[in-house]
């Protein structure tokens, strides 16, 4: 991941990049795999 955005139920929308991370949001420390790998997990689309 180079950049990420997370939306929360309470309306918060947070973003992160290599220079801006927090305990709430950060970039994955491992390669993310394929989009099919993610889509095939239960509870994810």
ModelCIF file with pLDDT and N, C-alpha, C, O atoms, coordinates in Angstrom:
data_MODEL
#
_entry.id   MODEL 
#
_entity.id                         1 
_entity.type                       polymer 
_entity.pdbx_number_of_molecules   1 
#
_entity_poly.entity_id                      1 
_entity_poly.type                           'polypeptide(L)' 
_entity_poly.nstd_linkage                   no 
_entity_poly.nstd_monomer                   no 
_entity_poly.pdbx_seq_one_letter_code       
;(UNK)(UNK)(UNK)(UNK)(UNK)(UNK)(UNK)(UNK)(UNK)(UNK)(UNK)(UNK)(UNK)(UNK)(UNK)(UNK)
(UNK)(UNK)(UNK)(UNK)(UNK)(UNK)(UNK)(UNK)(UNK)(UNK)(UNK)(UNK)(UNK)(UNK)(UNK)(UNK)
(UNK)(UNK)(UNK)(UNK)(UNK)(UNK)(UNK)(UNK)(UNK)(UNK)(UNK)(UNK)(UNK)
;
_entity_poly.pdbx_seq_one_letter_code_can   XXXXXXXXXXXXXXXXXXXXXXXXXXXXXXXXXXXXXXXXXXXXX 
_entity_poly.pdbx_strand_id                 A 
#
loop_
_entity_poly_seq.entity_id 
_entity_poly_seq.num 
_entity_poly_seq.mon_id 
_entity_poly_seq.hetero 
1 1  UNK n 
1 2  UNK n 
1 3  UNK n 
1 4  UNK n 
1 5  UNK n 
1 6  UNK n 
1 7  UNK n 
1 8  UNK n 
1 9  UNK n 
1 10 UNK n 
1 11 UNK n 
1 12 UNK n 
1 13 UNK n 
1 14 UNK n 
1 15 UNK n 
1 16 UNK n 
1 17 UNK n 
1 18 UNK n 
1 19 UNK n 
1 20 UNK n 
1 21 UNK n 
1 22 UNK n 
1 23 UNK n 
1 24 UNK n 
1 25 UNK n 
1 26 UNK n 
1 27 UNK n 
1 28 UNK n 
1 29 UNK n 
1 30 UNK n 
1 31 UNK n 
1 32 UNK n 
1 33 UNK n 
1 34 UNK n 
1 35 UNK n 
1 36 UNK n 
1 37 UNK n 
1 38 UNK n 
1 39 UNK n 
1 40 UNK n 
1 41 UNK n 
1 42 UNK n 
1 43 UNK n 
1 44 UNK n 
1 45 UNK n 
#
_struct_asym.id          A 
_struct_asym.entity_id   1 
#
loop_
_ma_qa_metric.id 
_ma_qa_metric.mode 
_ma_qa_metric.name 
_ma_qa_metric.software_group_id 
_ma_qa_metric.type 
1 global pLDDT . pLDDT 
2 local  pLDDT . pLDDT 
#
_ma_qa_metric_global.metric_id      1 
_ma_qa_metric_global.metric_value   95.09 
_ma_qa_metric_global.model_id       1 
_ma_qa_metric_global.ordinal_id     1 
#
loop_
_ma_qa_metric_local.label_asym_id 
_ma_qa_metric_local.label_comp_id 
_ma_qa_metric_local.label_seq_id 
_ma_qa_metric_local.metric_id 
_ma_qa_metric_local.metric_value 
_ma_qa_metric_local.model_id 
_ma_qa_metric_local.ordinal_id 
A UNK 1  2 97.00 1 1  
A UNK 2  2 98.00 1 2  
A UNK 3  2 98.00 1 3  
A UNK 4  2 98.00 1 4  
A UNK 5  2 98.00 1 5  
A UNK 6  2 98.00 1 6  
A UNK 7  2 98.00 1 7  
A UNK 8  2 96.00 1 8  
A UNK 9  2 95.00 1 9  
A UNK 10 2 94.00 1 10 
A UNK 11 2 94.00 1 11 
A UNK 12 2 94.00 1 12 
A UNK 13 2 97.00 1 13 
A UNK 14 2 97.00 1 14 
A UNK 15 2 97.00 1 15 
A UNK 16 2 97.00 1 16 
A UNK 17 2 97.00 1 17 
A UNK 18 2 94.00 1 18 
A UNK 19 2 93.00 1 19 
A UNK 20 2 92.00 1 20 
A UNK 21 2 90.00 1 21 
A UNK 22 2 91.00 1 22 
A UNK 23 2 89.00 1 23 
A UNK 24 2 89.00 1 24 
A UNK 25 2 94.00 1 25 
A UNK 26 2 94.00 1 26 
A UNK 27 2 97.00 1 27 
A UNK 28 2 95.00 1 28 
A UNK 29 2 95.00 1 29 
A UNK 30 2 96.00 1 30 
A UNK 31 2 96.00 1 31 
A UNK 32 2 95.00 1 32 
A UNK 33 2 93.00 1 33 
A UNK 34 2 95.00 1 34 
A UNK 35 2 96.00 1 35 
A UNK 36 2 96.00 1 36 
A UNK 37 2 94.00 1 37 
A UNK 38 2 94.00 1 38 
A UNK 39 2 94.00 1 39 
A UNK 40 2 95.00 1 40 
A UNK 41 2 95.00 1 41 
A UNK 42 2 95.00 1 42 
A UNK 43 2 96.00 1 43 
A UNK 44 2 96.00 1 44 
A UNK 45 2 97.00 1 45 
#
loop_
_atom_site.group_PDB 
_atom_site.id 
_atom_site.type_symbol 
_atom_site.label_atom_id 
_atom_site.label_alt_id 
_atom_site.label_comp_id 
_atom_site.label_asym_id 
_atom_site.label_entity_id 
_atom_site.label_seq_id 
_atom_site.pdbx_PDB_ins_code 
_atom_site.Cartn_x 
_atom_site.Cartn_y 
_atom_site.Cartn_z 
_atom_site.occupancy 
_atom_site.B_iso_or_equiv 
_atom_site.pdbx_formal_charge 
_atom_site.auth_seq_id 
_atom_site.auth_comp_id 
_atom_site.auth_asym_id 
_atom_site.auth_atom_id 
_atom_site.pdbx_PDB_model_num 
ATOM 1   N N  . UNK A 1 1  ? 0.834   -1.194  0.000  1.00 97.00 ? 1  UNK A N  1 
ATOM 2   C CA . UNK A 1 1  ? 0.000   0.000   0.000  1.00 97.00 ? 1  UNK A CA 1 
ATOM 3   C C  . UNK A 1 1  ? 0.872   1.249   0.000  1.00 97.00 ? 1  UNK A C  1 
ATOM 4   O O  . UNK A 1 1  ? 1.851   1.339   0.741  1.00 97.00 ? 1  UNK A O  1 
ATOM 5   N N  . UNK A 1 2  ? 0.504   2.200   -0.835 1.00 98.00 ? 2  UNK A N  1 
ATOM 6   C CA . UNK A 1 2  ? 1.179   3.495   -0.849 1.00 98.00 ? 2  UNK A CA 1 
ATOM 7   C C  . UNK A 1 2  ? 0.359   4.530   -0.086 1.00 98.00 ? 2  UNK A C  1 
ATOM 8   O O  . UNK A 1 2  ? 0.904   5.409   0.582  1.00 98.00 ? 2  UNK A O  1 
ATOM 9   N N  . UNK A 1 3  ? -0.966  4.405   -0.199 1.00 98.00 ? 3  UNK A N  1 
ATOM 10  C CA . UNK A 1 3  ? -1.890  5.276   0.540  1.00 98.00 ? 3  UNK A CA 1 
ATOM 11  C C  . UNK A 1 3  ? -3.130  4.459   0.890  1.00 98.00 ? 3  UNK A C  1 
ATOM 12  O O  . UNK A 1 3  ? -3.481  3.507   0.192  1.00 98.00 ? 3  UNK A O  1 
ATOM 13  N N  . UNK A 1 4  ? -3.791  4.849   1.992  1.00 98.00 ? 4  UNK A N  1 
ATOM 14  C CA . UNK A 1 4  ? -4.979  4.131   2.448  1.00 98.00 ? 4  UNK A CA 1 
ATOM 15  C C  . UNK A 1 4  ? -5.959  5.121   3.055  1.00 98.00 ? 4  UNK A C  1 
ATOM 16  O O  . UNK A 1 4  ? -5.568  6.128   3.643  1.00 98.00 ? 4  UNK A O  1 
ATOM 17  N N  . UNK A 1 5  ? -7.248  4.812   2.900  1.00 98.00 ? 5  UNK A N  1 
ATOM 18  C CA . UNK A 1 5  ? -8.328  5.583   3.507  1.00 98.00 ? 5  UNK A CA 1 
ATOM 19  C C  . UNK A 1 5  ? -9.218  4.590   4.239  1.00 98.00 ? 5  UNK A C  1 
ATOM 20  O O  . UNK A 1 5  ? -9.486  3.500   3.732  1.00 98.00 ? 5  UNK A O  1 
ATOM 21  N N  . UNK A 1 6  ? -9.677  4.963   5.433  1.00 98.00 ? 6  UNK A N  1 
ATOM 22  C CA . UNK A 1 6  ? -10.590 4.123   6.205  1.00 98.00 ? 6  UNK A CA 1 
ATOM 23  C C  . UNK A 1 6  ? -11.818 4.937   6.592  1.00 98.00 ? 6  UNK A C  1 
ATOM 24  O O  . UNK A 1 6  ? -11.698 6.050   7.106  1.00 98.00 ? 6  UNK A O  1 
ATOM 25  N N  . UNK A 1 7  ? -13.011 4.372   6.341  1.00 98.00 ? 7  UNK A N  1 
ATOM 26  C CA . UNK A 1 7  ? -14.273 4.990   6.736  1.00 98.00 ? 7  UNK A CA 1 
ATOM 27  C C  . UNK A 1 7  ? -14.844 4.207   7.902  1.00 98.00 ? 7  UNK A C  1 
ATOM 28  O O  . UNK A 1 7  ? -14.843 2.976   7.908  1.00 98.00 ? 7  UNK A O  1 
ATOM 29  N N  . UNK A 1 8  ? -15.336 4.950   8.896  1.00 96.00 ? 8  UNK A N  1 
ATOM 30  C CA . UNK A 1 8  ? -15.871 4.357   10.119 1.00 96.00 ? 8  UNK A CA 1 
ATOM 31  C C  . UNK A 1 8  ? -17.366 4.616   10.227 1.00 96.00 ? 8  UNK A C  1 
ATOM 32  O O  . UNK A 1 8  ? -17.889 5.552   9.622  1.00 96.00 ? 8  UNK A O  1 
ATOM 33  N N  . UNK A 1 9  ? -18.056 3.773   11.009 1.00 95.00 ? 9  UNK A N  1 
ATOM 34  C CA . UNK A 1 9  ? -19.494 3.928   11.232 1.00 95.00 ? 9  UNK A CA 1 
ATOM 35  C C  . UNK A 1 9  ? -19.864 5.294   11.770 1.00 95.00 ? 9  UNK A C  1 
ATOM 36  O O  . UNK A 1 9  ? -20.920 5.830   11.435 1.00 95.00 ? 9  UNK A O  1 
ATOM 37  N N  . UNK A 1 10 ? -19.001 5.864   12.602 1.00 94.00 ? 10 UNK A N  1 
ATOM 38  C CA . UNK A 1 10 ? -19.320 7.148   13.235 1.00 94.00 ? 10 UNK A CA 1 
ATOM 39  C C  . UNK A 1 10 ? -19.074 8.346   12.317 1.00 94.00 ? 10 UNK A C  1 
ATOM 40  O O  . UNK A 1 10 ? -19.210 9.493   12.744 1.00 94.00 ? 10 UNK A O  1 
ATOM 41  N N  . UNK A 1 11 ? -18.712 8.086   11.060 1.00 94.00 ? 11 UNK A N  1 
ATOM 42  C CA . UNK A 1 11 ? -18.529 9.162   10.098 1.00 94.00 ? 11 UNK A CA 1 
ATOM 43  C C  . UNK A 1 11 ? -17.091 9.606   9.893  1.00 94.00 ? 11 UNK A C  1 
ATOM 44  O O  . UNK A 1 11 ? -16.815 10.381  8.977  1.00 94.00 ? 11 UNK A O  1 
ATOM 45  N N  . UNK A 1 12 ? -16.165 9.133   10.727 1.00 94.00 ? 12 UNK A N  1 
ATOM 46  C CA . UNK A 1 12 ? -14.764 9.501   10.530 1.00 94.00 ? 12 UNK A CA 1 
ATOM 47  C C  . UNK A 1 12 ? -14.244 8.908   9.234  1.00 94.00 ? 12 UNK A C  1 
ATOM 48  O O  . UNK A 1 12 ? -14.588 7.783   8.870  1.00 94.00 ? 12 UNK A O  1 
ATOM 49  N N  . UNK A 1 13 ? -13.413 9.673   8.541  1.00 97.00 ? 13 UNK A N  1 
ATOM 50  C CA . UNK A 1 13 ? -12.738 9.209   7.328  1.00 97.00 ? 13 UNK A CA 1 
ATOM 51  C C  . UNK A 1 13 ? -11.269 9.593   7.498  1.00 97.00 ? 13 UNK A C  1 
ATOM 52  O O  . UNK A 1 13 ? -10.917 10.770  7.426  1.00 97.00 ? 13 UNK A O  1 
ATOM 53  N N  . UNK A 1 14 ? -10.425 8.606   7.720  1.00 97.00 ? 14 UNK A N  1 
ATOM 54  C CA . UNK A 1 14 ? -9.000  8.849   7.972  1.00 97.00 ? 14 UNK A CA 1 
ATOM 55  C C  . UNK A 1 14 ? -8.167  8.377   6.792  1.00 97.00 ? 14 UNK A C  1 
ATOM 56  O O  . UNK A 1 14 ? -8.538  7.449   6.073  1.00 97.00 ? 14 UNK A O  1 
ATOM 57  N N  . UNK A 1 15 ? -7.021  9.046   6.611  1.00 97.00 ? 15 UNK A N  1 
ATOM 58  C CA . UNK A 1 15 ? -6.104  8.638   5.549  1.00 97.00 ? 15 UNK A CA 1 
ATOM 59  C C  . UNK A 1 15 ? -4.700  8.489   6.106  1.00 97.00 ? 15 UNK A C  1 
ATOM 60  O O  . UNK A 1 15 ? -4.343  9.082   7.124  1.00 97.00 ? 15 UNK A O  1 
ATOM 61  N N  . UNK A 1 16 ? -3.914  7.678   5.405  1.00 97.00 ? 16 UNK A N  1 
ATOM 62  C CA . UNK A 1 16 ? -2.530  7.436   5.809  1.00 97.00 ? 16 UNK A CA 1 
ATOM 63  C C  . UNK A 1 16 ? -1.671  7.295   4.565  1.00 97.00 ? 16 UNK A C  1 
ATOM 64  O O  . UNK A 1 16 ? -2.122  6.839   3.514  1.00 97.00 ? 16 UNK A O  1 
ATOM 65  N N  . UNK A 1 17 ? -0.423  7.701   4.721  1.00 97.00 ? 17 UNK A N  1 
ATOM 66  C CA . UNK A 1 17 ? 0.606   7.425   3.724  1.00 97.00 ? 17 UNK A CA 1 
ATOM 67  C C  . UNK A 1 17 ? 1.871   7.079   4.486  1.00 97.00 ? 17 UNK A C  1 
ATOM 68  O O  . UNK A 1 17 ? 1.823   6.902   5.704  1.00 97.00 ? 17 UNK A O  1 
ATOM 69  N N  . UNK A 1 18 ? 2.980   6.979   3.814  1.00 94.00 ? 18 UNK A N  1 
ATOM 70  C CA . UNK A 1 18 ? 4.223   6.573   4.474  1.00 94.00 ? 18 UNK A CA 1 
ATOM 71  C C  . UNK A 1 18 ? 4.676   7.550   5.544  1.00 94.00 ? 18 UNK A C  1 
ATOM 72  O O  . UNK A 1 18 ? 5.474   7.186   6.407  1.00 94.00 ? 18 UNK A O  1 
ATOM 73  N N  . UNK A 1 19 ? 4.186   8.782   5.507  1.00 93.00 ? 19 UNK A N  1 
ATOM 74  C CA . UNK A 1 19 ? 4.618   9.814   6.451  1.00 93.00 ? 19 UNK A CA 1 
ATOM 75  C C  . UNK A 1 19 ? 3.579   10.134  7.517  1.00 93.00 ? 19 UNK A C  1 
ATOM 76  O O  . UNK A 1 19 ? 3.882   10.836  8.481  1.00 93.00 ? 19 UNK A O  1 
ATOM 77  N N  . UNK A 1 20 ? 2.370   9.634   7.360  1.00 92.00 ? 20 UNK A N  1 
ATOM 78  C CA . UNK A 1 20 ? 1.277   9.939   8.281  1.00 92.00 ? 20 UNK A CA 1 
ATOM 79  C C  . UNK A 1 20 ? 0.557   8.649   8.650  1.00 92.00 ? 20 UNK A C  1 
ATOM 80  O O  . UNK A 1 20 ? -0.304  8.173   7.909  1.00 92.00 ? 20 UNK A O  1 
ATOM 81  N N  . UNK A 1 21 ? 0.918   8.083   9.810  1.00 90.00 ? 21 UNK A N  1 
ATOM 82  C CA . UNK A 1 21 ? 0.267   6.890   10.321 1.00 90.00 ? 21 UNK A CA 1 
ATOM 83  C C  . UNK A 1 21 ? -0.033  7.115   11.797 1.00 90.00 ? 21 UNK A C  1 
ATOM 84  O O  . UNK A 1 21 ? 0.552   7.992   12.432 1.00 90.00 ? 21 UNK A O  1 
ATOM 85  N N  . UNK A 1 22 ? -0.946  6.320   12.335 1.00 91.00 ? 22 UNK A N  1 
ATOM 86  C CA . UNK A 1 22 ? -1.276  6.429   13.752 1.00 91.00 ? 22 UNK A CA 1 
ATOM 87  C C  . UNK A 1 22 ? -1.670  5.049   14.263 1.00 91.00 ? 22 UNK A C  1 
ATOM 88  O O  . UNK A 1 22 ? -1.610  4.061   13.532 1.00 91.00 ? 22 UNK A O  1 
ATOM 89  N N  . UNK A 1 23 ? -2.070  4.999   15.521 1.00 89.00 ? 23 UNK A N  1 
ATOM 90  C CA . UNK A 1 23 ? -2.560  3.733   16.079 1.00 89.00 ? 23 UNK A CA 1 
ATOM 91  C C  . UNK A 1 23 ? -3.851  3.320   15.386 1.00 89.00 ? 23 UNK A C  1 
ATOM 92  O O  . UNK A 1 23 ? -4.159  2.130   15.329 1.00 89.00 ? 23 UNK A O  1 
ATOM 93  N N  . UNK A 1 24 ? -4.612  4.274   14.858 1.00 89.00 ? 24 UNK A N  1 
ATOM 94  C CA . UNK A 1 24 ? -5.882  3.977   14.195 1.00 89.00 ? 24 UNK A CA 1 
ATOM 95  C C  . UNK A 1 24 ? -5.730  3.543   12.748 1.00 89.00 ? 24 UNK A C  1 
ATOM 96  O O  . UNK A 1 24 ? -6.517  2.730   12.264 1.00 89.00 ? 24 UNK A O  1 
ATOM 97  N N  . UNK A 1 25 ? -4.742  4.065   12.057 1.00 94.00 ? 25 UNK A N  1 
ATOM 98  C CA . UNK A 1 25 ? -4.600  3.780   10.627 1.00 94.00 ? 25 UNK A CA 1 
ATOM 99  C C  . UNK A 1 25 ? -3.124  3.774   10.241 1.00 94.00 ? 25 UNK A C  1 
ATOM 100 O O  . UNK A 1 25 ? -2.344  4.633   10.654 1.00 94.00 ? 25 UNK A O  1 
ATOM 101 N N  . UNK A 1 26 ? -2.772  2.783   9.443  1.00 94.00 ? 26 UNK A N  1 
ATOM 102 C CA . UNK A 1 26 ? -1.416  2.682   8.929  1.00 94.00 ? 26 UNK A CA 1 
ATOM 103 C C  . UNK A 1 26 ? -1.416  1.804   7.693  1.00 94.00 ? 26 UNK A C  1 
ATOM 104 O O  . UNK A 1 26 ? -2.378  1.087   7.419  1.00 94.00 ? 26 UNK A O  1 
ATOM 105 N N  . UNK A 1 27 ? -0.342  1.870   6.965  1.00 97.00 ? 27 UNK A N  1 
ATOM 106 C CA . UNK A 1 27 ? -0.212  1.045   5.764  1.00 97.00 ? 27 UNK A CA 1 
ATOM 107 C C  . UNK A 1 27 ? 0.155   -0.379  6.152  1.00 97.00 ? 27 UNK A C  1 
ATOM 108 O O  . UNK A 1 27 ? 0.795   -0.613  7.177  1.00 97.00 ? 27 UNK A O  1 
ATOM 109 N N  . UNK A 1 28 ? -0.256  -1.317  5.325  1.00 95.00 ? 28 UNK A N  1 
ATOM 110 C CA . UNK A 1 28 ? 0.080   -2.709  5.558  1.00 95.00 ? 28 UNK A CA 1 
ATOM 111 C C  . UNK A 1 28 ? 1.599   -2.887  5.526  1.00 95.00 ? 28 UNK A C  1 
ATOM 112 O O  . UNK A 1 28 ? 2.286   -2.284  4.701  1.00 95.00 ? 28 UNK A O  1 
ATOM 113 N N  . UNK A 1 29 ? 2.108   -3.713  6.424  1.00 95.00 ? 29 UNK A N  1 
ATOM 114 C CA . UNK A 1 29 ? 3.551   -3.959  6.482  1.00 95.00 ? 29 UNK A CA 1 
ATOM 115 C C  . UNK A 1 29 ? 3.983   -5.119  5.588  1.00 95.00 ? 29 UNK A C  1 
ATOM 116 O O  . UNK A 1 29 ? 5.171   -5.426  5.491  1.00 95.00 ? 29 UNK A O  1 
ATOM 117 N N  . UNK A 1 30 ? 3.021   -5.754  4.944  1.00 96.00 ? 30 UNK A N  1 
ATOM 118 C CA . UNK A 1 30 ? 3.292   -6.862  4.026  1.00 96.00 ? 30 UNK A CA 1 
ATOM 119 C C  . UNK A 1 30 ? 2.560   -6.599  2.717  1.00 96.00 ? 30 UNK A C  1 
ATOM 120 O O  . UNK A 1 30 ? 1.588   -5.843  2.704  1.00 96.00 ? 30 UNK A O  1 
ATOM 121 N N  . UNK A 1 31 ? 2.997   -7.201  1.619  1.00 96.00 ? 31 UNK A N  1 
ATOM 122 C CA . UNK A 1 31 ? 2.250   -7.042  0.366  1.00 96.00 ? 31 UNK A CA 1 
ATOM 123 C C  . UNK A 1 31 ? 0.794   -7.496  0.551  1.00 96.00 ? 31 UNK A C  1 
ATOM 124 O O  . UNK A 1 31 ? 0.529   -8.456  1.275  1.00 96.00 ? 31 UNK A O  1 
ATOM 125 N N  . UNK A 1 32 ? -0.134  -6.814  -0.095 1.00 95.00 ? 32 UNK A N  1 
ATOM 126 C CA . UNK A 1 32 ? -1.559  -7.063  0.143  1.00 95.00 ? 32 UNK A CA 1 
ATOM 127 C C  . UNK A 1 32 ? -2.121  -8.263  -0.607 1.00 95.00 ? 32 UNK A C  1 
ATOM 128 O O  . UNK A 1 32 ? -3.243  -8.681  -0.319 1.00 95.00 ? 32 UNK A O  1 
ATOM 129 N N  . UNK A 1 33 ? -1.404  -8.822  -1.535 1.00 93.00 ? 33 UNK A N  1 
ATOM 130 C CA . UNK A 1 33 ? -1.912  -9.940  -2.317 1.00 93.00 ? 33 UNK A CA 1 
ATOM 131 C C  . UNK A 1 33 ? -2.789  -9.440  -3.452 1.00 93.00 ? 33 UNK A C  1 
ATOM 132 O O  . UNK A 1 33 ? -2.704  -8.278  -3.851 1.00 93.00 ? 33 UNK A O  1 
ATOM 133 N N  . UNK A 1 34 ? -3.625  -10.320 -3.965 1.00 95.00 ? 34 UNK A N  1 
ATOM 134 C CA . UNK A 1 34 ? -4.473  -9.934  -5.094 1.00 95.00 ? 34 UNK A CA 1 
ATOM 135 C C  . UNK A 1 34 ? -5.841  -9.494  -4.589 1.00 95.00 ? 34 UNK A C  1 
ATOM 136 O O  . UNK A 1 34 ? -6.253  -9.832  -3.480 1.00 95.00 ? 34 UNK A O  1 
ATOM 137 N N  . UNK A 1 35 ? -6.523  -8.746  -5.415 1.00 96.00 ? 35 UNK A N  1 
ATOM 138 C CA . UNK A 1 35 ? -7.872  -8.315  -5.049 1.00 96.00 ? 35 UNK A CA 1 
ATOM 139 C C  . UNK A 1 35 ? -8.807  -9.516  -4.934 1.00 96.00 ? 35 UNK A C  1 
ATOM 140 O O  . UNK A 1 35 ? -9.737  -9.496  -4.128 1.00 96.00 ? 35 UNK A O  1 
ATOM 141 N N  . UNK A 1 36 ? -8.574  -10.554 -5.724 1.00 96.00 ? 36 UNK A N  1 
ATOM 142 C CA . UNK A 1 36 ? -9.385  -11.769 -5.616 1.00 96.00 ? 36 UNK A CA 1 
ATOM 143 C C  . UNK A 1 36 ? -9.198  -12.442 -4.257 1.00 96.00 ? 36 UNK A C  1 
ATOM 144 O O  . UNK A 1 36 ? -10.152 -12.971 -3.687 1.00 96.00 ? 36 UNK A O  1 
ATOM 145 N N  . UNK A 1 37 ? -7.956  -12.421 -3.736 1.00 94.00 ? 37 UNK A N  1 
ATOM 146 C CA . UNK A 1 37 ? -7.706  -12.982 -2.403 1.00 94.00 ? 37 UNK A CA 1 
ATOM 147 C C  . UNK A 1 37 ? -8.548  -12.266 -1.356 1.00 94.00 ? 37 UNK A C  1 
ATOM 148 O O  . UNK A 1 37 ? -9.119  -12.902 -0.470 1.00 94.00 ? 37 UNK A O  1 
ATOM 149 N N  . UNK A 1 38 ? -8.623  -10.947 -1.459 1.00 94.00 ? 38 UNK A N  1 
ATOM 150 C CA . UNK A 1 38 ? -9.411  -10.162 -0.513 1.00 94.00 ? 38 UNK A CA 1 
ATOM 151 C C  . UNK A 1 38 ? -10.901 -10.436 -0.703 1.00 94.00 ? 38 UNK A C  1 
ATOM 152 O O  . UNK A 1 38 ? -11.618 -10.681 0.267  1.00 94.00 ? 38 UNK A O  1 
ATOM 153 N N  . UNK A 1 39 ? -11.364 -10.395 -1.941 1.00 94.00 ? 39 UNK A N  1 
ATOM 154 C CA . UNK A 1 39 ? -12.794 -10.574 -2.232 1.00 94.00 ? 39 UNK A CA 1 
ATOM 155 C C  . UNK A 1 39 ? -13.299 -11.959 -1.832 1.00 94.00 ? 39 UNK A C  1 
ATOM 156 O O  . UNK A 1 39 ? -14.483 -12.121 -1.536 1.00 94.00 ? 39 UNK A O  1 
ATOM 157 N N  . UNK A 1 40 ? -12.432 -12.941 -1.820 1.00 95.00 ? 40 UNK A N  1 
ATOM 158 C CA . UNK A 1 40 ? -12.844 -14.303 -1.475 1.00 95.00 ? 40 UNK A CA 1 
ATOM 159 C C  . UNK A 1 40 ? -12.886 -14.563 0.025  1.00 95.00 ? 40 UNK A C  1 
ATOM 160 O O  . UNK A 1 40 ? -13.268 -15.656 0.442  1.00 95.00 ? 40 UNK A O  1 
ATOM 161 N N  . UNK A 1 41 ? -12.507 -13.592 0.845  1.00 95.00 ? 41 UNK A N  1 
ATOM 162 C CA . UNK A 1 41 ? -12.574 -13.758 2.290  1.00 95.00 ? 41 UNK A CA 1 
ATOM 163 C C  . UNK A 1 41 ? -14.003 -13.493 2.767  1.00 95.00 ? 41 UNK A C  1 
ATOM 164 O O  . UNK A 1 41 ? -14.662 -12.575 2.277  1.00 95.00 ? 41 UNK A O  1 
ATOM 165 N N  . UNK A 1 42 ? -14.479 -14.292 3.718  1.00 95.00 ? 42 UNK A N  1 
ATOM 166 C CA . UNK A 1 42 ? -15.820 -14.035 4.263  1.00 95.00 ? 42 UNK A CA 1 
ATOM 167 C C  . UNK A 1 42 ? -15.892 -12.620 4.830  1.00 95.00 ? 42 UNK A C  1 
ATOM 168 O O  . UNK A 1 42 ? -14.914 -12.125 5.391  1.00 95.00 ? 42 UNK A O  1 
ATOM 169 N N  . UNK A 1 43 ? -17.018 -11.983 4.690  1.00 96.00 ? 43 UNK A N  1 
ATOM 170 C CA . UNK A 1 43 ? -17.302 -10.651 5.230  1.00 96.00 ? 43 UNK A CA 1 
ATOM 171 C C  . UNK A 1 43 ? -16.644 -9.505  4.466  1.00 96.00 ? 43 UNK A C  1 
ATOM 172 O O  . UNK A 1 43 ? -16.754 -8.354  4.888  1.00 96.00 ? 43 UNK A O  1 
ATOM 173 N N  . UNK A 1 44 ? -15.963 -9.784  3.354  1.00 96.00 ? 44 UNK A N  1 
ATOM 174 C CA . UNK A 1 44 ? -15.341 -8.731  2.557  1.00 96.00 ? 44 UNK A CA 1 
ATOM 175 C C  . UNK A 1 44 ? -15.883 -8.736  1.136  1.00 96.00 ? 44 UNK A C  1 
ATOM 176 O O  . UNK A 1 44 ? -16.149 -9.793  0.564  1.00 96.00 ? 44 UNK A O  1 
ATOM 177 N N  . UNK A 1 45 ? -16.041 -7.554  0.580  1.00 97.00 ? 45 UNK A N  1 
ATOM 178 C CA . UNK A 1 45 ? -16.279 -7.424  -0.859 1.00 97.00 ? 45 UNK A CA 1 
ATOM 179 C C  . UNK A 1 45 ? -15.264 -6.405  -1.356 1.00 97.00 ? 45 UNK A C  1 
ATOM 180 O O  . UNK A 1 45 ? -15.233 -6.095  -2.547 1.00 97.00 ? 45 UNK A O  1 
#
